[in-house]
Structures are given as structure tokens and as C-alpha cells.
């Protein structure tokens, strides 16, 4: 719930987390309308299974939702915390075919949180032996809650700015090495 003047306000989210045993949980998320109400009957928007494999290592599987029930597997990742200062995660992505994980690794992503709104994201290819290969992409993503510096325009008393934006800096990668100097910034609202 939202907190308004130290009191319980409108509903913000509705989740059921079911303990499946063996360190595994199924997390079902339900639709909550902008006004804090829920549709009747309830509408399931996502179903995720999360299992702790080791300290700081979790397997996460996301499923399609079909008629409010768990459908086919959509994605399969293992997320491992590598460091707490700054928070850094290694995300291993697995191939999913026809609703099943093949166990074949498709990419490795290293994500570091630089501050509350900024992430450094590096993607690596996969060697034939399923180990982490060379760096293939390097981006820095920053989310801003204020007005977009390039698109903040007003016509009369109507503002056409959405109020927030994401800046993505895409660094050039050559032979597995990031330049960190080629700034090809792009913006999305």
C-alpha cells in the first residue's frame, strides 16, 4: 500500500509468494489499477519461480500467463551476486525452446549499480564450452525523474514532456575491449 500522511493509502501491488520447498518460491503478481483497485475477477500478470541455488545465487524462471494460469516457460536465468560495493550481478541467460529450457547458455550479462539510478551493463558472448567469452556490448543506463533535457517543450500552457526519461550510453567494443569513450547517447521516454 501507499503511505499517505503516515496512513495506509491506495493499493500499489498484490503478490502471492508460495513456498514450494527446497528453497524455491512461486511468485504470482496480480493487476492493480492506477486508482488502487483490482479487477474482479482478479487478473494474473506474471508468474515467476525463484530458487536459491547457493548463497547469493538464484535461478529465476518466468512463465507465460494463460487464462490466469501458469503457461509455457518464457525465460530462464541464473542471477549471482558478485559484489556488494558496488552491487554487481552476473546474469546467465539460457535458451528456451517450445516452453522448455535447453540448458544451453545464450549470454552472460554483468550489471553493476553505480548509484540509485545508474547501471553499467556489459554483455559477453558464450564460448563453445559454455564459458564466458569476450565482451560484446557495454552500455550505461541512467534513469531521470525530471524533465528530458532535449525534449522539454511547452506550447501555451500544455507541456509535452512525459516527466521522466532514460539515457543510454552505448560504448564501442572492439576485439572484446570497451572504449568507454565513444558516447552514442540515446534517449527513451
Protein backbone atom coordinates (compact mmCIF):
# COMPACT_ATOMS: atom_id res chain seq x y z
CA UNK A 1 0.00 0.00 0.00
CA UNK A 2 0.99 3.63 -0.45
CA UNK A 3 1.67 5.60 2.72
CA UNK A 4 -0.11 8.94 2.85
CA UNK A 5 0.37 11.14 5.92
CA UNK A 6 1.60 8.07 7.83
CA UNK A 7 -1.62 6.22 6.97
CA UNK A 8 -2.36 3.32 4.66
CA UNK A 9 -3.28 4.64 1.23
CA UNK A 10 -4.15 3.02 -2.09
CA UNK A 11 -3.06 -0.49 -3.01
CA UNK A 12 0.14 -0.41 -5.09
CA UNK A 13 0.83 -4.10 -5.69
CA UNK A 14 -0.61 -7.54 -5.00
CA UNK A 15 1.67 -10.57 -4.93
CA UNK A 16 1.30 -14.09 -3.61
CA UNK A 17 4.55 -15.87 -2.80
CA UNK A 18 4.16 -19.61 -2.36
CA UNK A 19 6.90 -21.68 -0.72
CA UNK A 20 7.44 -24.70 -2.97
CA UNK A 21 10.07 -26.22 -0.64
CA UNK A 22 13.78 -26.79 -1.23
CA UNK A 23 14.47 -23.02 -1.38
CA UNK A 24 12.00 -22.50 -4.24
CA UNK A 25 9.17 -19.97 -4.38
CA UNK A 26 6.44 -19.27 -6.93
CA UNK A 27 5.60 -15.57 -7.14
CA UNK A 28 2.28 -14.61 -8.72
CA UNK A 29 1.66 -10.93 -9.42
CA UNK A 30 -1.86 -9.57 -9.86
CA UNK A 31 -3.06 -6.50 -11.75
CA UNK A 32 -3.63 -3.38 -9.67
CA UNK A 33 -5.35 -0.47 -11.38
CA UNK A 34 -3.92 3.07 -11.22
CA UNK A 35 -6.59 4.02 -8.67
CA UNK A 36 -5.54 1.22 -6.29
CA UNK A 37 -8.40 -1.15 -7.10
CA UNK A 38 -8.20 -4.65 -8.54
CA UNK A 39 -10.29 -6.07 -11.35
CA UNK A 40 -12.92 -8.64 -10.46
CA UNK A 41 -12.21 -11.40 -11.14
CA UNK A 42 -8.51 -10.95 -10.35
CA UNK A 43 -6.09 -10.80 -13.29
CA UNK A 44 -2.69 -12.53 -13.06
CA UNK A 45 0.00 -10.52 -14.87
CA UNK A 46 3.08 -12.63 -14.17
CA UNK A 47 4.23 -15.91 -12.70
CA UNK A 48 7.86 -16.35 -11.67
CA UNK A 49 9.66 -19.23 -9.99
CA UNK A 50 12.72 -18.35 -7.94
CA UNK A 51 15.03 -20.90 -6.36
CA UNK A 52 18.09 -20.25 -4.24
CA UNK A 53 20.91 -22.42 -5.61
CA UNK A 54 23.65 -21.18 -3.29
CA UNK A 55 24.49 -18.15 -1.18
CA UNK A 56 23.93 -15.11 -3.45
CA UNK A 57 22.84 -17.28 -6.42
CA UNK A 58 19.25 -17.64 -7.65
CA UNK A 59 17.61 -19.43 -10.57
CA UNK A 60 14.70 -17.42 -11.99
CA UNK A 61 12.14 -18.76 -14.46
CA UNK A 62 9.38 -16.59 -15.94
CA UNK A 63 6.25 -18.17 -17.38
CA UNK A 64 3.53 -17.06 -19.76
CA UNK A 65 0.13 -16.42 -18.20
CA UNK A 66 -2.74 -18.20 -19.96
CA UNK A 67 -6.24 -17.71 -18.56
CA UNK A 68 -4.74 -16.69 -15.20
CA UNK A 69 -2.74 -19.95 -15.05
CA UNK A 70 0.95 -20.76 -15.49
CA UNK A 71 1.73 -21.39 -19.14
CA UNK A 72 4.91 -22.18 -21.04
CA UNK A 73 8.34 -21.16 -19.83
CA UNK A 74 9.39 -17.80 -21.36
CA UNK A 75 12.80 -17.14 -19.82
CA UNK A 76 15.38 -18.89 -17.66
CA UNK A 77 18.27 -17.10 -15.93
CA UNK A 78 20.66 -17.58 -13.06
CA UNK A 79 21.47 -14.39 -11.17
CA UNK A 80 24.53 -14.34 -8.96
CA UNK A 81 25.62 -11.51 -6.67
CA UNK A 82 29.34 -10.96 -7.27
CA UNK A 83 29.91 -7.94 -5.04
CA UNK A 84 28.03 -5.64 -2.69
CA UNK A 85 30.12 -2.49 -3.15
CA UNK A 86 29.08 -1.52 -5.72
CA UNK A 87 26.22 -4.02 -6.19
CA UNK A 88 27.25 -6.26 -9.10
CA UNK A 89 25.38 -9.21 -10.58
CA UNK A 90 26.25 -11.83 -13.18
CA UNK A 91 23.15 -12.90 -15.10
CA UNK A 92 23.44 -16.11 -17.11
CA UNK A 93 20.70 -16.45 -19.77
CA UNK A 94 19.59 -19.87 -21.02
CA UNK A 95 17.91 -20.80 -24.29
CA UNK A 96 14.19 -21.57 -24.06
CA UNK A 97 12.57 -23.55 -26.90
CA UNK A 98 8.92 -24.58 -27.04
CA UNK A 99 8.38 -23.72 -23.38
CA UNK A 100 11.40 -25.64 -22.04
CA UNK A 101 14.91 -24.64 -21.06
CA UNK A 102 17.54 -26.41 -23.14
CA UNK A 103 20.32 -25.72 -20.62
CA UNK A 104 22.32 -24.00 -23.37
CA UNK A 105 23.74 -20.64 -22.26
CA UNK A 106 22.93 -17.81 -24.68
CA UNK A 107 24.67 -14.90 -22.93
CA UNK A 108 26.36 -13.61 -19.83
CA UNK A 109 25.43 -10.13 -18.56
CA UNK A 110 27.33 -8.30 -15.83
CA UNK A 111 25.29 -5.49 -14.28
CA UNK A 112 26.76 -3.03 -11.79
CA UNK A 113 24.66 -0.45 -9.96
CA UNK A 114 26.72 2.75 -9.91
CA UNK A 115 24.13 4.81 -8.00
CA UNK A 116 20.39 4.73 -7.31
CA UNK A 117 19.52 5.44 -10.97
CA UNK A 118 22.61 4.37 -12.95
CA UNK A 119 23.65 0.92 -14.15
CA UNK A 120 26.71 -0.23 -16.07
CA UNK A 121 25.78 -3.26 -18.22
CA UNK A 122 28.28 -5.47 -20.04
CA UNK A 123 27.25 -8.40 -22.25
CA UNK A 124 29.64 -11.23 -23.10
CA UNK A 125 29.43 -13.92 -25.76
CA UNK A 126 29.49 -17.62 -24.94
CA UNK A 127 32.47 -19.82 -25.78
CA UNK A 128 31.83 -23.26 -27.35
CA UNK A 129 32.46 -24.84 -23.91
CA UNK A 130 29.65 -22.68 -22.40
CA UNK A 131 32.07 -20.40 -20.51
CA UNK A 132 32.09 -16.60 -20.58
CA UNK A 133 33.72 -15.22 -23.71
CA UNK A 134 34.69 -11.80 -24.97
CA UNK A 135 32.83 -8.59 -24.21
CA UNK A 136 30.29 -7.87 -26.98
CA UNK A 137 28.46 -4.78 -25.70
CA UNK A 138 28.84 -2.18 -22.97
CA UNK A 139 26.17 0.36 -22.05
CA UNK A 140 25.49 2.72 -19.20
CA UNK A 141 21.83 3.35 -18.42
CA UNK A 142 20.62 6.22 -16.26
CA UNK A 143 17.00 6.95 -15.35
CA UNK A 144 15.98 10.53 -14.68
CA UNK A 145 12.79 11.53 -12.88
CA UNK A 146 12.91 15.12 -14.04
CA UNK A 147 12.29 16.71 -17.44
CA UNK A 148 14.09 15.46 -20.52
CA UNK A 149 16.82 17.98 -21.42
CA UNK A 150 16.28 17.65 -25.16
CA UNK A 151 12.53 17.22 -25.43
CA UNK A 152 11.20 19.53 -22.73
CA UNK A 153 8.93 21.74 -24.76
CA UNK A 154 5.75 23.60 -23.99
CA UNK A 155 3.10 25.09 -26.20
CA UNK A 156 0.96 27.63 -24.37
CA UNK A 157 0.12 26.06 -21.01
CA UNK A 158 0.40 22.43 -22.23
CA UNK A 159 3.65 20.60 -21.58
CA UNK A 160 4.54 17.78 -23.97
CA UNK A 161 7.21 16.29 -21.73
CA UNK A 162 6.43 12.94 -20.10
CA UNK A 163 8.32 13.91 -16.94
CA UNK A 164 10.97 11.18 -16.95
CA UNK A 165 13.43 9.59 -19.34
CA UNK A 166 16.22 7.06 -19.69
CA UNK A 167 19.64 7.93 -21.09
CA UNK A 168 21.63 5.07 -22.63
CA UNK A 169 25.31 5.48 -23.42
CA UNK A 170 26.48 2.78 -25.81
CA UNK A 171 30.26 2.29 -25.74
CA UNK A 172 32.14 0.94 -28.77
CA UNK A 173 33.52 -2.58 -28.22
CA UNK A 174 36.45 -3.74 -30.38
CA UNK A 175 38.06 -7.17 -30.01
CA UNK A 176 36.35 -7.67 -26.65
CA UNK A 177 37.52 -4.34 -25.19
CA UNK A 178 35.22 -1.43 -24.32
CA UNK A 179 36.34 2.01 -25.40
CA UNK A 180 34.30 3.78 -22.70
CA UNK A 181 34.97 6.84 -24.82
CA UNK A 182 32.56 6.55 -27.71
CA UNK A 183 29.38 8.19 -26.43
CA UNK A 184 26.46 7.40 -28.72
CA UNK A 185 23.81 8.53 -26.24
CA UNK A 186 20.20 7.80 -26.95
CA UNK A 187 17.09 8.73 -25.02
CA UNK A 188 13.81 6.95 -24.43
CA UNK A 189 10.75 8.14 -22.54
